Structure formats: C-alpha cells, structure tokens
Protein backbone atom coordinates (compact mmCIF):
# COMPACT_ATOMS: atom_id res chain seq x y z
CA UNK A 1 9.64 -6.75 -6.92
CA UNK A 2 7.57 -3.89 -8.26
CA UNK A 3 4.93 -4.33 -10.92
CA UNK A 4 2.41 -1.99 -12.42
CA UNK A 5 -0.81 -3.97 -12.64
CA UNK A 6 -4.38 -2.70 -12.84
CA UNK A 7 -5.49 -2.45 -9.20
CA UNK A 8 -9.15 -3.32 -9.74
CA UNK A 9 -8.18 -6.56 -11.52
CA UNK A 10 -6.40 -8.00 -8.46
CA UNK A 11 -8.22 -10.54 -6.26
CA UNK A 12 -7.89 -8.68 -2.96
CA UNK A 13 -9.80 -6.57 -0.47
CA UNK A 14 -8.29 -3.11 -0.21
CA UNK A 15 -7.69 -1.48 3.18
CA UNK A 16 -7.00 2.11 4.20
CA UNK A 17 -5.25 3.27 7.33
CA UNK A 18 -7.71 4.11 10.09
CA UNK A 19 -5.77 7.34 10.67
CA UNK A 20 -6.63 8.75 7.24
CA UNK A 21 -9.35 10.93 8.80
CA UNK A 22 -11.82 10.17 6.00
CA UNK A 23 -9.46 11.58 3.41
CA UNK A 24 -10.21 10.13 -0.02
CA UNK A 25 -6.66 10.75 -1.23
CA UNK A 26 -4.63 8.08 0.53
CA UNK A 27 -2.77 4.84 -0.04
CA UNK A 28 -4.56 1.48 0.16
CA UNK A 29 -3.01 -1.95 0.66
CA UNK A 30 -4.21 -5.41 -0.32
CA UNK A 31 -2.78 -8.84 0.57
CA UNK A 32 -2.01 -11.32 -2.23
CA UNK A 33 -0.49 -14.58 -0.90
CA UNK A 34 3.05 -13.51 0.11
CA UNK A 35 2.82 -10.12 -1.62
CA UNK A 36 1.35 -6.75 -0.66
CA UNK A 37 -0.28 -4.63 -3.36
CA UNK A 38 -0.34 -0.84 -2.94
CA UNK A 39 -2.54 1.63 -4.84
CA UNK A 40 -3.72 5.24 -4.59
CA UNK A 41 -7.33 5.35 -3.41
CA UNK A 42 -8.39 8.12 -5.80
CA UNK A 43 -7.43 5.89 -8.76
CA UNK A 44 -8.80 2.40 -7.92
CA UNK A 45 -8.39 1.21 -11.52
CA UNK A 46 -4.89 2.65 -11.88
CA UNK A 47 -1.48 1.07 -11.42
CA UNK A 48 -0.50 -1.08 -8.45
CA UNK A 49 2.91 -1.63 -6.91
CA UNK A 50 3.64 -5.13 -5.60
CA UNK A 51 6.14 -5.80 -2.82
CA UNK A 52 7.08 -8.97 -0.88
CA UNK A 53 5.12 -9.08 2.39
CA UNK A 54 8.31 -9.20 4.49
CA UNK A 55 9.73 -6.10 2.84
CA UNK A 56 6.48 -4.20 3.29
CA UNK A 57 6.26 -5.35 6.91
CA UNK A 58 9.78 -4.04 7.57
CA UNK A 59 8.81 -0.70 6.00
CA UNK A 60 5.70 -0.41 8.21
CA UNK A 61 7.74 -1.32 11.32
CA UNK A 62 10.33 1.35 10.47
CA UNK A 63 7.62 3.99 10.04
CA UNK A 64 5.96 2.99 13.32
CA UNK A 65 9.29 3.14 15.16
CA UNK A 66 10.07 6.60 13.76
CA UNK A 67 13.15 5.42 11.91
CA UNK A 68 12.07 7.10 8.67
CA UNK A 69 12.28 10.87 8.76
CA UNK A 70 10.41 12.91 6.11
CA UNK A 71 12.54 15.20 3.99
CA UNK A 72 11.56 18.62 2.79
C-alpha cells in the first residue's frame, strides 16, 4: 500500500530519528491509525508514502537486527 499524498495535509505529528545528528535531510515518520506515513524532511509539503504499520514495524525490526545490508 503506497500512496503519494501531500505530507503537510495529513493529520499526524512527524518524528525524526534521534540518531539523525541534527541533519535536516532525513526521513520522518507519522502514525495514521494502522498506517505509517513516510516523508523526506527537506520537503515537508512533498509526497508521502503510506505503509501498513505491521509492514513498517517489520522493516524497522530488520534494520535494527542488522538483517538488511546496504549495497554499493
């Protein structure tokens, strides 16, 4: 479930990772019922991707566990 909605029009509070080190160019997440909205912080009025909360939670768990390896 991926949509491209205007981020600033969504009724959510946006959160950044605490590990961003004050970087203004990062990803922000917002909770919408059973969906997680994702946007790029440098474009708060730009497009948003929506994903089911369970799918996003599984992605975060995989990243935290080191199961996703970056590619060059």
